Amino acid sequence: MPNPPKSRYLKVVRSFGDYSKASLPLTGRWLEKAGFVIGSRVEVVVRKGCLMIVPLVEEEK
């Protein structure tokens, strides 16, 4: 039986550049364990008050 999902608590920080904007840095070994391997692409579904991040499955050529 797989492990139950775990919540991660992060802080929205300010990203600097031409102007300040919200940034949500995601780092950790837990990302790969959740299916997000380095170099892979993701889809971010945006809803008011909710972000859903889904790893994209690359089609075989």
PDB file of N, CA and C in Angstrom:
ATOM      1  N   MET A   1       0.855  -1.186   0.000  1.00  0.00           N
ATOM      2  CA  MET A   1       0.000   0.000   0.000  1.00  0.00           C
ATOM      3  C   MET A   1       0.897   1.245   0.000  1.00  0.00           C
ATOM      4  N   PRO A   2       0.657   2.198  -0.911  1.00  0.00           N
ATOM      5  CA  PRO A   2       1.500   3.393  -0.969  1.00  0.00           C
ATOM      6  C   PRO A   2       1.328   4.272   0.262  1.00  0.00           C
ATOM      7  N   ASN A   3       2.357   5.089   0.513  1.00  0.00           N
ATOM      8  CA  ASN A   3       2.283   6.028   1.635  1.00  0.00           C
ATOM      9  C   ASN A   3       1.224   7.085   1.364  1.00  0.00           C
ATOM     10  N   PRO A   4       0.527   7.532   2.400  1.00  0.00           N
ATOM     11  CA  PRO A   4      -0.463   8.602   2.191  1.00  0.00           C
ATOM     12  C   PRO A   4       0.246   9.899   1.803  1.00  0.00           C
ATOM     13  N   PRO A   5      -0.439  10.777   1.054  1.00  0.00           N
ATOM     14  CA  PRO A   5       0.187  12.038   0.660  1.00  0.00           C
ATOM     15  C   PRO A   5       0.554  12.872   1.877  1.00  0.00           C
ATOM     16  N   LYS A   6       1.651  13.612   1.759  1.00  0.00           N
ATOM     17  CA  LYS A   6       2.084  14.494   2.842  1.00  0.00           C
ATOM     18  C   LYS A   6       1.939  15.934   2.387  1.00  0.00           C
ATOM     19  N   SER A   7       1.556  16.780   3.300  1.00  0.00           N
ATOM     20  CA  SER A   7       1.476  18.214   3.005  1.00  0.00           C
ATOM     21  C   SER A   7       2.849  18.832   3.182  1.00  0.00           C
ATOM     22  N   ARG A   8       3.140  19.835   2.392  1.00  0.00           N
ATOM     23  CA  ARG A   8       4.367  20.623   2.509  1.00  0.00           C
ATOM     24  C   ARG A   8       3.946  22.058   2.758  1.00  0.00           C
ATOM     25  N   TYR A   9       4.595  22.711   3.684  1.00  0.00           N
ATOM     26  CA  TYR A   9       4.250  24.089   4.024  1.00  0.00           C
ATOM     27  C   TYR A   9       5.385  24.999   3.582  1.00  0.00           C
ATOM     28  N   LEU A  10       5.076  25.928   2.702  1.00  0.00           N
ATOM     29  CA  LEU A  10       6.060  26.817   2.106  1.00  0.00           C
ATOM     30  C   LEU A  10       5.645  28.257   2.333  1.00  0.00           C
ATOM     31  N   LYS A  11       6.564  29.164   2.107  1.00  0.00           N
ATOM     32  CA  LYS A  11       6.269  30.585   2.234  1.00  0.00           C
ATOM     33  C   LYS A  11       6.387  31.240   0.864  1.00  0.00           C
ATOM     34  N   VAL A  12       5.398  32.031   0.498  1.00  0.00           N
ATOM     35  CA  VAL A  12       5.469  32.815  -0.736  1.00  0.00           C
ATOM     36  C   VAL A  12       6.432  33.963  -0.467  1.00  0.00           C
ATOM     37  N   VAL A  13       7.457  34.060  -1.310  1.00  0.00           N
ATOM     38  CA  VAL A  13       8.485  35.080  -1.124  1.00  0.00           C
ATOM     39  C   VAL A  13       8.466  36.060  -2.292  1.00  0.00           C
ATOM     40  N   ARG A  14       9.212  37.141  -2.133  1.00  0.00           N
ATOM     41  CA  ARG A  14       9.295  38.155  -3.176  1.00  0.00           C
ATOM     42  C   ARG A  14      10.471  37.831  -4.093  1.00  0.00           C
ATOM     43  N   SER A  15      10.223  37.879  -5.393  1.00  0.00           N
ATOM     44  CA  SER A  15      11.271  37.694  -6.386  1.00  0.00           C
ATOM     45  C   SER A  15      11.611  39.065  -6.945  1.00  0.00           C
ATOM     46  N   PHE A  16      12.887  39.356  -7.040  1.00  0.00           N
ATOM     47  CA  PHE A  16      13.295  40.679  -7.507  1.00  0.00           C
ATOM     48  C   PHE A  16      13.721  40.618  -8.963  1.00  0.00           C
ATOM     49  N   GLY A  17      13.605  41.707  -9.625  1.00  0.00           N
ATOM     50  CA  GLY A  17      13.980  41.846 -11.028  1.00  0.00           C
ATOM     51  C   GLY A  17      13.600  43.250 -11.420  1.00  0.00           C
ATOM     52  N   ASP A  18      12.957  43.384 -12.563  1.00  0.00           N
ATOM     53  CA  ASP A  18      12.474  44.696 -12.993  1.00  0.00           C
ATOM     54  C   ASP A  18      11.432  45.229 -12.015  1.00  0.00           C
ATOM     55  N   TYR A  19      10.660  44.340 -11.450  1.00  0.00           N
ATOM     56  CA  TYR A  19       9.663  44.695 -10.437  1.00  0.00           C
ATOM     57  C   TYR A  19       9.476  43.487  -9.534  1.00  0.00           C
ATOM     58  N   SER A  20       8.955  43.704  -8.354  1.00  0.00           N
ATOM     59  CA  SER A  20       8.797  42.582  -7.452  1.00  0.00           C
ATOM     60  C   SER A  20       7.548  41.782  -7.777  1.00  0.00           C
ATOM     61  N   LYS A  21       7.665  40.482  -7.604  1.00  0.00           N
ATOM     62  CA  LYS A  21       6.546  39.579  -7.883  1.00  0.00           C
ATOM     63  C   LYS A  21       6.630  38.388  -6.941  1.00  0.00           C
ATOM     64  N   ALA A  22       5.516  37.726  -6.761  1.00  0.00           N
ATOM     65  CA  ALA A  22       5.464  36.573  -5.854  1.00  0.00           C
ATOM     66  C   ALA A  22       6.219  35.388  -6.454  1.00  0.00           C
ATOM     67  N   SER A  23       6.883  34.640  -5.585  1.00  0.00           N
ATOM     68  CA  SER A  23       7.639  33.469  -6.012  1.00  0.00           C
ATOM     69  C   SER A  23       7.407  32.348  -5.002  1.00  0.00           C
ATOM     70  N   LEU A  24       7.328  31.136  -5.504  1.00  0.00           N
ATOM     71  CA  LEU A  24       7.120  29.974  -4.647  1.00  0.00           C
ATOM     72  C   LEU A  24       8.178  28.927  -4.993  1.00  0.00           C
ATOM     73  N   PRO A  25       9.347  28.985  -4.339  1.00  0.00           N
ATOM     74  CA  PRO A  25      10.412  28.032  -4.674  1.00  0.00           C
ATOM     75  C   PRO A  25      10.097  26.630  -4.150  1.00  0.00           C
ATOM     76  N   LEU A  26      10.170  25.661  -5.035  1.00  0.00           N
ATOM     77  CA  LEU A  26       9.930  24.261  -4.663  1.00  0.00           C
ATOM     78  C   LEU A  26      11.235  23.497  -4.836  1.00  0.00           C
ATOM     79  N   THR A  27      11.795  22.989  -3.756  1.00  0.00           N
ATOM     80  CA  THR A  27      13.017  22.198  -3.828  1.00  0.00           C
ATOM     81  C   THR A  27      12.939  21.065  -2.818  1.00  0.00           C
ATOM     82  N   GLY A  28      13.590  19.987  -3.126  1.00  0.00           N
ATOM     83  CA  GLY A  28      13.664  18.884  -2.176  1.00  0.00           C
ATOM     84  C   GLY A  28      13.599  17.534  -2.859  1.00  0.00           C
ATOM     85  N   ARG A  29      14.100  16.534  -2.160  1.00  0.00           N
ATOM     86  CA  ARG A  29      14.070  15.167  -2.686  1.00  0.00           C
ATOM     87  C   ARG A  29      12.645  14.663  -2.845  1.00  0.00           C
ATOM     88  N   TRP A  30      11.736  15.219  -2.082  1.00  0.00           N
ATOM     89  CA  TRP A  30      10.340  14.787  -2.137  1.00  0.00           C
ATOM     90  C   TRP A  30       9.735  15.033  -3.516  1.00  0.00           C
ATOM     91  N   LEU A  31      10.266  16.020  -4.276  1.00  0.00           N
ATOM     92  CA  LEU A  31       9.736  16.277  -5.616  1.00  0.00           C
ATOM     93  C   LEU A  31       9.940  15.069  -6.526  1.00  0.00           C
ATOM     94  N   GLU A  32      11.147  14.514  -6.535  1.00  0.00           N
ATOM     95  CA  GLU A  32      11.408  13.351  -7.378  1.00  0.00           C
ATOM     96  C   GLU A  32      10.602  12.144  -6.907  1.00  0.00           C
ATOM     97  N   LYS A  33      10.475  11.990  -5.600  1.00  0.00           N
ATOM     98  CA  LYS A  33       9.670  10.885  -5.069  1.00  0.00           C
ATOM     99  C   LYS A  33       8.213  11.014  -5.499  1.00  0.00           C
ATOM    100  N   ALA A  34       7.787  12.259  -5.749  1.00  0.00           N
ATOM    101  CA  ALA A  34       6.408  12.505  -6.175  1.00  0.00           C
ATOM    102  C   ALA A  34       6.249  12.440  -7.698  1.00  0.00           C
ATOM    103  N   GLY A  35       7.348  12.141  -8.420  1.00  0.00           N
ATOM    104  CA  GLY A  35       7.246  11.985  -9.871  1.00  0.00           C
ATOM    105  C   GLY A  35       7.763  13.159 -10.683  1.00  0.00           C
ATOM    106  N   PHE A  36       8.421  14.115 -10.040  1.00  0.00           N
ATOM    107  CA  PHE A  36       8.945  15.290 -10.735  1.00  0.00           C
ATOM    108  C   PHE A  36      10.458  15.151 -10.864  1.00  0.00           C
ATOM    109  N   VAL A  37      10.912  14.531 -11.962  1.00  0.00           N
ATOM    110  CA  VAL A  37      12.344  14.300 -12.143  1.00  0.00           C
ATOM    111  C   VAL A  37      13.001  15.522 -12.783  1.00  0.00           C
ATOM    112  N   ILE A  38      14.281  15.696 -12.503  1.00  0.00           N
ATOM    113  CA  ILE A  38      15.029  16.832 -13.038  1.00  0.00           C
ATOM    114  C   ILE A  38      14.964  16.815 -14.561  1.00  0.00           C
ATOM    115  N   GLY A  39      14.656  17.957 -15.148  1.00  0.00           N
ATOM    116  CA  GLY A  39      14.580  18.092 -16.600  1.00  0.00           C
ATOM    117  C   GLY A  39      13.207  17.806 -17.182  1.00  0.00           C
ATOM    118  N   SER A  40      12.297  17.281 -16.376  1.00  0.00           N
ATOM    119  CA  SER A  40      10.958  16.985 -16.900  1.00  0.00           C
ATOM    120  C   SER A  40      10.126  18.264 -16.962  1.00  0.00           C
ATOM    121  N   ARG A  41       9.057  18.216 -17.725  1.00  0.00           N
ATOM    122  CA  ARG A  41       8.165  19.358 -17.871  1.00  0.00           C
ATOM    123  C   ARG A  41       6.915  19.129 -17.026  1.00  0.00           C
ATOM    124  N   VAL A  42       6.292  20.225 -16.612  1.00  0.00           N
ATOM    125  CA  VAL A  42       5.087  20.143 -15.792  1.00  0.00           C
ATOM    126  C   VAL A  42       4.010  21.059 -16.348  1.00  0.00           C
ATOM    127  N   GLU A  43       2.797  20.777 -15.962  1.00  0.00           N
ATOM    128  CA  GLU A  43       1.662  21.659 -16.228  1.00  0.00           C
ATOM    129  C   GLU A  43       1.248  22.244 -14.883  1.00  0.00           C
ATOM    130  N   VAL A  44       1.025  23.559 -14.850  1.00  0.00           N
ATOM    131  CA  VAL A  44       0.536  24.209 -13.639  1.00  0.00           C
ATOM    132  C   VAL A  44      -0.883  24.693 -13.923  1.00  0.00           C
ATOM    133  N   VAL A  45      -1.851  24.108 -13.236  1.00  0.00           N
ATOM    134  CA  VAL A  45      -3.250  24.498 -13.372  1.00  0.00           C
ATOM    135  C   VAL A  45      -3.527  25.532 -12.285  1.00  0.00           C
ATOM    136  N   VAL A  46      -3.994  26.708 -12.694  1.00  0.00           N
ATOM    137  CA  VAL A  46      -4.175  27.820 -11.761  1.00  0.00           C
ATOM    138  C   VAL A  46      -5.662  28.067 -11.523  1.00  0.00           C
ATOM    139  N   ARG A  47      -6.045  28.049 -10.274  1.00  0.00           N
ATOM    140  CA  ARG A  47      -7.401  28.389  -9.836  1.00  0.00           C
ATOM    141  C   ARG A  47      -7.252  29.386  -8.691  1.00  0.00           C
ATOM    142  N   LYS A  48      -8.268  30.149  -8.410  1.00  0.00           N
ATOM    143  CA  LYS A  48      -8.196  31.103  -7.305  1.00  0.00           C
ATOM    144  C   LYS A  48      -7.940  30.342  -6.008  1.00  0.00           C
ATOM    145  N   GLY A  49      -6.823  30.630  -5.373  1.00  0.00           N
ATOM    146  CA  GLY A  49      -6.479  29.991  -4.109  1.00  0.00           C
ATOM    147  C   GLY A  49      -5.939  28.577  -4.227  1.00  0.00           C
ATOM    148  N   CYS A  50      -5.649  28.114  -5.452  1.00  0.00           N
ATOM    149  CA  CYS A  50      -5.196  26.735  -5.622  1.00  0.00           C
ATOM    150  C   CYS A  50      -4.276  26.607  -6.835  1.00  0.00           C
ATOM    151  N   LEU A  51      -3.152  25.915  -6.659  1.00  0.00           N
ATOM    152  CA  LEU A  51      -2.262  25.551  -7.761  1.00  0.00           C
ATOM    153  C   LEU A  51      -2.156  24.035  -7.789  1.00  0.00           C
ATOM    154  N   MET A  52      -2.310  23.446  -8.968  1.00  0.00           N
ATOM    155  CA  MET A  52      -2.129  22.007  -9.117  1.00  0.00           C
ATOM    156  C   MET A  52      -0.993  21.809 -10.114  1.00  0.00           C
ATOM    157  N   ILE A  53       0.053  21.105  -9.698  1.00  0.00           N
ATOM    158  CA  ILE A  53       1.228  20.886 -10.538  1.00  0.00           C
ATOM    159  C   ILE A  53       1.242  19.420 -10.947  1.00  0.00           C
ATOM    160  N   VAL A  54       1.232  19.180 -12.263  1.00  0.00           N
ATOM    161  CA  VAL A  54       1.125  17.827 -12.792  1.00  0.00           C
ATOM    162  C   VAL A  54       2.322  17.547 -13.701  1.00  0.00           C
ATOM    163  N   PRO A  55       3.064  16.448 -13.468  1.00  0.00           N
ATOM    164  CA  PRO A  55       4.158  16.121 -14.382  1.00  0.00           C
ATOM    165  C   PRO A  55       3.589  15.707 -15.737  1.00  0.00           C
ATOM    166  N   LEU A  56       4.215  16.201 -16.814  1.00  0.00           N
ATOM    167  CA  LEU A  56       3.776  15.836 -18.155  1.00  0.00           C
ATOM    168  C   LEU A  56       4.489  14.561 -18.581  1.00  0.00           C
ATOM    169  N   VAL A  57       3.739  13.649 -19.167  1.00  0.00           N
ATOM    170  CA  VAL A  57       4.306  12.403 -19.659  1.00  0.00           C
ATOM    171  C   VAL A  57       4.734  12.647 -21.097  1.00  0.00           C
ATOM    172  N   GLU A  58       6.018  12.422 -21.380  1.00  0.00           N
ATOM    173  CA  GLU A  58       6.505  12.620 -22.744  1.00  0.00           C
ATOM    174  C   GLU A  58       6.075  11.453 -23.605  1.00  0.00           C
ATOM    175  N   GLU A  59       5.617  11.784 -24.822  1.00  0.00           N
ATOM    176  CA  GLU A  59       5.199  10.744 -25.753  1.00  0.00           C
ATOM    177  C   GLU A  59       6.431  10.049 -26.314  1.00  0.00           C
ATOM    178  N   GLU A  60       6.320   8.732 -26.492  1.00  0.00           N
ATOM    179  CA  GLU A  60       7.424   7.981 -27.086  1.00  0.00           C
ATOM    180  C   GLU A  60       7.494   8.291 -28.565  1.00  0.00           C
ATOM    181  N   LYS A  61       8.720   8.397 -29.087  1.00  0.00           N
ATOM    182  CA  LYS A  61       8.904   8.738 -30.510  1.00  0.00           C
ATOM    183  C   LYS A  61       9.158   7.505 -31.318  1.00  0.00           C
TER     184      LYS A  61
END
